[in-house]
Amino acid sequence: MGTMQIVLVLFMAATLAVVVIGVIAMAVNGKLNKNHSNKLMRLRVLFQAIAIFVFVVIVWLARN
């Protein structure tokens, strides 16, 4: 597995972790959800964007 693939897996795992934390916080409906739900959503979108960018770079490098 190449370095870029490892980076891709790490960002995918980070995205999954943030989603799970957000779902648990929403299910508990506690103080964490009220204070950090927006930040968690932004963090998830950021990690997804980086993962997609890394994926595109991997595909582009594979074609060239």
PDB file of N, CA and C in Angstrom:
ATOM      1  N   MET A   1       0.854  -1.183   0.000  1.00  0.00           N
ATOM      2  CA  MET A   1       0.000   0.000   0.000  1.00  0.00           C
ATOM      3  C   MET A   1       0.890   1.233   0.000  1.00  0.00           C
ATOM      4  N   GLY A   2       0.582   2.157  -0.894  1.00  0.00           N
ATOM      5  CA  GLY A   2       1.386   3.365  -1.012  1.00  0.00           C
ATOM      6  C   GLY A   2       1.056   4.392   0.063  1.00  0.00           C
ATOM      7  N   THR A   3       1.869   5.389   0.126  1.00  0.00           N
ATOM      8  CA  THR A   3       1.694   6.444   1.123  1.00  0.00           C
ATOM      9  C   THR A   3       0.372   7.176   0.948  1.00  0.00           C
ATOM     10  N   MET A   4       0.036   7.466  -0.304  1.00  0.00           N
ATOM     11  CA  MET A   4      -1.219   8.186  -0.554  1.00  0.00           C
ATOM     12  C   MET A   4      -2.434   7.349  -0.156  1.00  0.00           C
ATOM     13  N   GLN A   5      -2.352   6.050  -0.368  1.00  0.00           N
ATOM     14  CA  GLN A   5      -3.452   5.169   0.015  1.00  0.00           C
ATOM     15  C   GLN A   5      -3.612   5.125   1.535  1.00  0.00           C
ATOM     16  N   ILE A   6      -2.504   5.134   2.241  1.00  0.00           N
ATOM     17  CA  ILE A   6      -2.557   5.153   3.709  1.00  0.00           C
ATOM     18  C   ILE A   6      -3.175   6.456   4.196  1.00  0.00           C
ATOM     19  N   VAL A   7      -2.793   7.569   3.573  1.00  0.00           N
ATOM     20  CA  VAL A   7      -3.369   8.867   3.933  1.00  0.00           C
ATOM     21  C   VAL A   7      -4.870   8.863   3.671  1.00  0.00           C
ATOM     22  N   LEU A   8      -5.273   8.280   2.533  1.00  0.00           N
ATOM     23  CA  LEU A   8      -6.691   8.186   2.208  1.00  0.00           C
ATOM     24  C   LEU A   8      -7.451   7.383   3.259  1.00  0.00           C
ATOM     25  N   VAL A   9      -6.911   6.244   3.657  1.00  0.00           N
ATOM     26  CA  VAL A   9      -7.562   5.411   4.678  1.00  0.00           C
ATOM     27  C   VAL A   9      -7.642   6.152   6.010  1.00  0.00           C
ATOM     28  N   LEU A  10      -6.607   6.893   6.353  1.00  0.00           N
ATOM     29  CA  LEU A  10      -6.621   7.651   7.613  1.00  0.00           C
ATOM     30  C   LEU A  10      -7.719   8.716   7.609  1.00  0.00           C
ATOM     31  N   PHE A  11      -7.867   9.442   6.510  1.00  0.00           N
ATOM     32  CA  PHE A  11      -8.911  10.464   6.461  1.00  0.00           C
ATOM     33  C   PHE A  11     -10.303   9.855   6.397  1.00  0.00           C
ATOM     34  N   MET A  12     -10.419   8.703   5.768  1.00  0.00           N
ATOM     35  CA  MET A  12     -11.708   8.010   5.766  1.00  0.00           C
ATOM     36  C   MET A  12     -12.070   7.539   7.177  1.00  0.00           C
ATOM     37  N   ALA A  13     -11.079   7.029   7.905  1.00  0.00           N
ATOM     38  CA  ALA A  13     -11.318   6.597   9.279  1.00  0.00           C
ATOM     39  C   ALA A  13     -11.648   7.788  10.181  1.00  0.00           C
ATOM     40  N   ALA A  14     -10.984   8.908   9.959  1.00  0.00           N
ATOM     41  CA  ALA A  14     -11.269  10.110  10.738  1.00  0.00           C
ATOM     42  C   ALA A  14     -12.684  10.600  10.472  1.00  0.00           C
ATOM     43  N   THR A  15     -13.110  10.537   9.213  1.00  0.00           N
ATOM     44  CA  THR A  15     -14.480  10.924   8.866  1.00  0.00           C
ATOM     45  C   THR A  15     -15.477  10.023   9.573  1.00  0.00           C
ATOM     46  N   LEU A  16     -15.231   8.724   9.532  1.00  0.00           N
ATOM     47  CA  LEU A  16     -16.119   7.776  10.208  1.00  0.00           C
ATOM     48  C   LEU A  16     -16.170   8.038  11.714  1.00  0.00           C
ATOM     49  N   ALA A  17     -15.027   8.317  12.309  1.00  0.00           N
ATOM     50  CA  ALA A  17     -14.981   8.586  13.746  1.00  0.00           C
ATOM     51  C   ALA A  17     -15.805   9.817  14.107  1.00  0.00           C
ATOM     52  N   VAL A  18     -15.682  10.874  13.311  1.00  0.00           N
ATOM     53  CA  VAL A  18     -16.432  12.097  13.594  1.00  0.00           C
ATOM     54  C   VAL A  18     -17.933  11.848  13.427  1.00  0.00           C
ATOM     55  N   VAL A  19     -18.318  11.062  12.414  1.00  0.00           N
ATOM     56  CA  VAL A  19     -19.737  10.745  12.217  1.00  0.00           C
ATOM     57  C   VAL A  19     -20.271   9.956  13.405  1.00  0.00           C
ATOM     58  N   VAL A  20     -19.512   8.961  13.867  1.00  0.00           N
ATOM     59  CA  VAL A  20     -19.948   8.147  15.007  1.00  0.00           C
ATOM     60  C   VAL A  20     -20.067   9.004  16.263  1.00  0.00           C
ATOM     61  N   ILE A  21     -19.106   9.864  16.500  1.00  0.00           N
ATOM     62  CA  ILE A  21     -19.175  10.755  17.671  1.00  0.00           C
ATOM     63  C   ILE A  21     -20.400  11.654  17.576  1.00  0.00           C
ATOM     64  N   GLY A  22     -20.677  12.181  16.382  1.00  0.00           N
ATOM     65  CA  GLY A  22     -21.841  13.041  16.203  1.00  0.00           C
ATOM     66  C   GLY A  22     -23.147  12.307  16.429  1.00  0.00           C
ATOM     67  N   VAL A  23     -23.239  11.068  15.932  1.00  0.00           N
ATOM     68  CA  VAL A  23     -24.461  10.283  16.126  1.00  0.00           C
ATOM     69  C   VAL A  23     -24.661   9.935  17.593  1.00  0.00           C
ATOM     70  N   ILE A  24     -23.595   9.569  18.262  1.00  0.00           N
ATOM     71  CA  ILE A  24     -23.697   9.258  19.699  1.00  0.00           C
ATOM     72  C   ILE A  24     -24.091  10.504  20.477  1.00  0.00           C
ATOM     73  N   ALA A  25     -23.509  11.636  20.150  1.00  0.00           N
ATOM     74  CA  ALA A  25     -23.850  12.880  20.843  1.00  0.00           C
ATOM     75  C   ALA A  25     -25.306  13.252  20.603  1.00  0.00           C
ATOM     76  N   MET A  26     -25.792  13.010  19.388  1.00  0.00           N
ATOM     77  CA  MET A  26     -27.184  13.311  19.091  1.00  0.00           C
ATOM     78  C   MET A  26     -28.117  12.361  19.826  1.00  0.00           C
ATOM     79  N   ALA A  27     -27.722  11.090  19.918  1.00  0.00           N
ATOM     80  CA  ALA A  27     -28.557  10.099  20.586  1.00  0.00           C
ATOM     81  C   ALA A  27     -28.658  10.370  22.084  1.00  0.00           C
ATOM     82  N   VAL A  28     -27.564  10.793  22.680  1.00  0.00           N
ATOM     83  CA  VAL A  28     -27.558  11.100  24.112  1.00  0.00           C
ATOM     84  C   VAL A  28     -28.307  12.397  24.374  1.00  0.00           C
ATOM     85  N   ASN A  29     -28.267  13.308  23.375  1.00  0.00           N
ATOM     86  CA  ASN A  29     -28.950  14.602  23.450  1.00  0.00           C
ATOM     87  C   ASN A  29     -28.510  15.407  24.668  1.00  0.00           C
ATOM     88  N   GLY A  30     -27.234  15.369  24.888  1.00  0.00           N
ATOM     89  CA  GLY A  30     -26.709  16.076  26.048  1.00  0.00           C
ATOM     90  C   GLY A  30     -26.078  17.400  25.690  1.00  0.00           C
ATOM     91  N   LYS A  31     -25.250  17.856  26.602  1.00  0.00           N
ATOM     92  CA  LYS A  31     -24.594  19.142  26.447  1.00  0.00           C
ATOM     93  C   LYS A  31     -23.589  19.123  25.284  1.00  0.00           C
ATOM     94  N   LEU A  32     -22.972  17.956  25.041  1.00  0.00           N
ATOM     95  CA  LEU A  32     -22.006  17.837  23.948  1.00  0.00           C
ATOM     96  C   LEU A  32     -22.659  18.147  22.607  1.00  0.00           C
ATOM     97  N   ASN A  33     -23.856  17.647  22.407  1.00  0.00           N
ATOM     98  CA  ASN A  33     -24.544  17.879  21.134  1.00  0.00           C
ATOM     99  C   ASN A  33     -24.853  19.357  20.935  1.00  0.00           C
ATOM    100  N   LYS A  34     -25.315  20.031  21.969  1.00  0.00           N
ATOM    101  CA  LYS A  34     -25.672  21.447  21.843  1.00  0.00           C
ATOM    102  C   LYS A  34     -24.457  22.321  21.581  1.00  0.00           C
ATOM    103  N   ASN A  35     -23.342  21.973  22.197  1.00  0.00           N
ATOM    104  CA  ASN A  35     -22.157  22.827  22.101  1.00  0.00           C
ATOM    105  C   ASN A  35     -21.291  22.537  20.883  1.00  0.00           C
ATOM    106  N   HIS A  36     -21.294  21.297  20.417  1.00  0.00           N
ATOM    107  CA  HIS A  36     -20.303  20.918  19.413  1.00  0.00           C
ATOM    108  C   HIS A  36     -20.878  20.307  18.135  1.00  0.00           C
ATOM    109  N   SER A  37     -22.171  20.277  17.961  1.00  0.00           N
ATOM    110  CA  SER A  37     -22.733  19.621  16.780  1.00  0.00           C
ATOM    111  C   SER A  37     -22.312  20.322  15.485  1.00  0.00           C
ATOM    112  N   ASN A  38     -22.279  21.636  15.479  1.00  0.00           N
ATOM    113  CA  ASN A  38     -21.857  22.383  14.291  1.00  0.00           C
ATOM    114  C   ASN A  38     -20.385  22.149  13.983  1.00  0.00           C
ATOM    115  N   LYS A  39     -19.554  22.138  15.012  1.00  0.00           N
ATOM    116  CA  LYS A  39     -18.122  21.918  14.820  1.00  0.00           C
ATOM    117  C   LYS A  39     -17.863  20.509  14.294  1.00  0.00           C
ATOM    118  N   LEU A  40     -18.593  19.538  14.816  1.00  0.00           N
ATOM    119  CA  LEU A  40     -18.428  18.167  14.343  1.00  0.00           C
ATOM    120  C   LEU A  40     -18.835  18.036  12.875  1.00  0.00           C
ATOM    121  N   MET A  41     -19.897  18.708  12.484  1.00  0.00           N
ATOM    122  CA  MET A  41     -20.341  18.651  11.093  1.00  0.00           C
ATOM    123  C   MET A  41     -19.301  19.287  10.178  1.00  0.00           C
ATOM    124  N   ARG A  42     -18.741  20.410  10.574  1.00  0.00           N
ATOM    125  CA  ARG A  42     -17.716  21.069   9.763  1.00  0.00           C
ATOM    126  C   ARG A  42     -16.462  20.206   9.649  1.00  0.00           C
ATOM    127  N   LEU A  43     -16.105  19.554  10.757  1.00  0.00           N
ATOM    128  CA  LEU A  43     -14.942  18.674  10.763  1.00  0.00           C
ATOM    129  C   LEU A  43     -15.173  17.477   9.843  1.00  0.00           C
ATOM    130  N   ARG A  44     -16.378  16.922   9.854  1.00  0.00           N
ATOM    131  CA  ARG A  44     -16.709  15.806   8.976  1.00  0.00           C
ATOM    132  C   ARG A  44     -16.601  16.222   7.510  1.00  0.00           C
ATOM    133  N   VAL A  45     -17.145  17.385   7.184  1.00  0.00           N
ATOM    134  CA  VAL A  45     -17.085  17.868   5.805  1.00  0.00           C
ATOM    135  C   VAL A  45     -15.636  18.107   5.386  1.00  0.00           C
ATOM    136  N   LEU A  46     -14.831  18.641   6.267  1.00  0.00           N
ATOM    137  CA  LEU A  46     -13.415  18.867   5.970  1.00  0.00           C
ATOM    138  C   LEU A  46     -12.698  17.552   5.703  1.00  0.00           C
ATOM    139  N   PHE A  47     -12.889  16.560   6.571  1.00  0.00           N
ATOM    140  CA  PHE A  47     -12.239  15.267   6.383  1.00  0.00           C
ATOM    141  C   PHE A  47     -12.714  14.589   5.099  1.00  0.00           C
ATOM    142  N   GLN A  48     -13.996  14.704   4.788  1.00  0.00           N
ATOM    143  CA  GLN A  48     -14.506  14.128   3.545  1.00  0.00           C
ATOM    144  C   GLN A  48     -13.884  14.814   2.333  1.00  0.00           C
ATOM    145  N   ALA A  49     -13.776  16.124   2.373  1.00  0.00           N
ATOM    146  CA  ALA A  49     -13.188  16.859   1.250  1.00  0.00           C
ATOM    147  C   ALA A  49     -11.729  16.466   1.041  1.00  0.00           C
ATOM    148  N   ILE A  50     -10.999  16.327   2.119  1.00  0.00           N
ATOM    149  CA  ILE A  50      -9.592  15.930   1.998  1.00  0.00           C
ATOM    150  C   ILE A  50      -9.490  14.508   1.461  1.00  0.00           C
ATOM    151  N   ALA A  51     -10.345  13.609   1.933  1.00  0.00           N
ATOM    152  CA  ALA A  51     -10.331  12.226   1.448  1.00  0.00           C
ATOM    153  C   ALA A  51     -10.651  12.169  -0.045  1.00  0.00           C
ATOM    154  N   ILE A  52     -11.622  12.941  -0.483  1.00  0.00           N
ATOM    155  CA  ILE A  52     -11.960  12.970  -1.910  1.00  0.00           C
ATOM    156  C   ILE A  52     -10.799  13.546  -2.723  1.00  0.00           C
ATOM    157  N   PHE A  53     -10.180  14.590  -2.216  1.00  0.00           N
ATOM    158  CA  PHE A  53      -9.032  15.175  -2.908  1.00  0.00           C
ATOM    159  C   PHE A  53      -7.896  14.165  -3.040  1.00  0.00           C
ATOM    160  N   VAL A  54      -7.593  13.446  -1.968  1.00  0.00           N
ATOM    161  CA  VAL A  54      -6.529  12.440  -2.009  1.00  0.00           C
ATOM    162  C   VAL A  54      -6.893  11.330  -2.995  1.00  0.00           C
ATOM    163  N   PHE A  55      -8.165  10.928  -3.012  1.00  0.00           N
ATOM    164  CA  PHE A  55      -8.615   9.913  -3.957  1.00  0.00           C
ATOM    165  C   PHE A  55      -8.417  10.375  -5.400  1.00  0.00           C
ATOM    166  N   VAL A  56      -8.774  11.607  -5.670  1.00  0.00           N
ATOM    167  CA  VAL A  56      -8.610  12.151  -7.021  1.00  0.00           C
ATOM    168  C   VAL A  56      -7.119  12.189  -7.401  1.00  0.00           C
ATOM    169  N   VAL A  57      -6.274  12.553  -6.474  1.00  0.00           N
ATOM    170  CA  VAL A  57      -4.831  12.581  -6.747  1.00  0.00           C
ATOM    171  C   VAL A  57      -4.322  11.170  -7.034  1.00  0.00           C
ATOM    172  N   ILE A  58      -4.803  10.186  -6.271  1.00  0.00           N
ATOM    173  CA  ILE A  58      -4.373   8.800  -6.510  1.00  0.00           C
ATOM    174  C   ILE A  58      -4.802   8.342  -7.907  1.00  0.00           C
ATOM    175  N   VAL A  59      -6.024   8.621  -8.288  1.00  0.00           N
ATOM    176  CA  VAL A  59      -6.506   8.225  -9.621  1.00  0.00           C
ATOM    177  C   VAL A  59      -5.715   8.962 -10.697  1.00  0.00           C
ATOM    178  N   TRP A  60      -5.473  10.246 -10.510  1.00  0.00           N
ATOM    179  CA  TRP A  60      -4.733  11.022 -11.487  1.00  0.00           C
ATOM    180  C   TRP A  60      -3.306  10.493 -11.645  1.00  0.00           C
ATOM    181  N   LEU A  61      -2.648  10.158 -10.511  1.00  0.00           N
ATOM    182  CA  LEU A  61      -1.293   9.618 -10.587  1.00  0.00           C
ATOM    183  C   LEU A  61      -1.261   8.239 -11.232  1.00  0.00           C
ATOM    184  N   ALA A  62      -2.300   7.453 -11.029  1.00  0.00           N
ATOM    185  CA  ALA A  62      -2.360   6.118 -11.613  1.00  0.00           C
ATOM    186  C   ALA A  62      -2.511   6.179 -13.123  1.00  0.00           C
ATOM    187  N   ARG A  63      -3.166   7.217 -13.627  1.00  0.00           N
ATOM    188  CA  ARG A  63      -3.365   7.350 -15.078  1.00  0.00           C
ATOM    189  C   ARG A  63      -2.145   7.923 -15.782  1.00  0.00           C
ATOM    190  N   ASN A  64      -1.297   8.619 -15.057  1.00  0.00           N
ATOM    191  CA  ASN A  64      -0.125   9.241 -15.687  1.00  0.00           C
ATOM    192  C   ASN A  64       1.124   8.465 -15.450  1.00  0.00           C
TER     193      ASN A  64
END
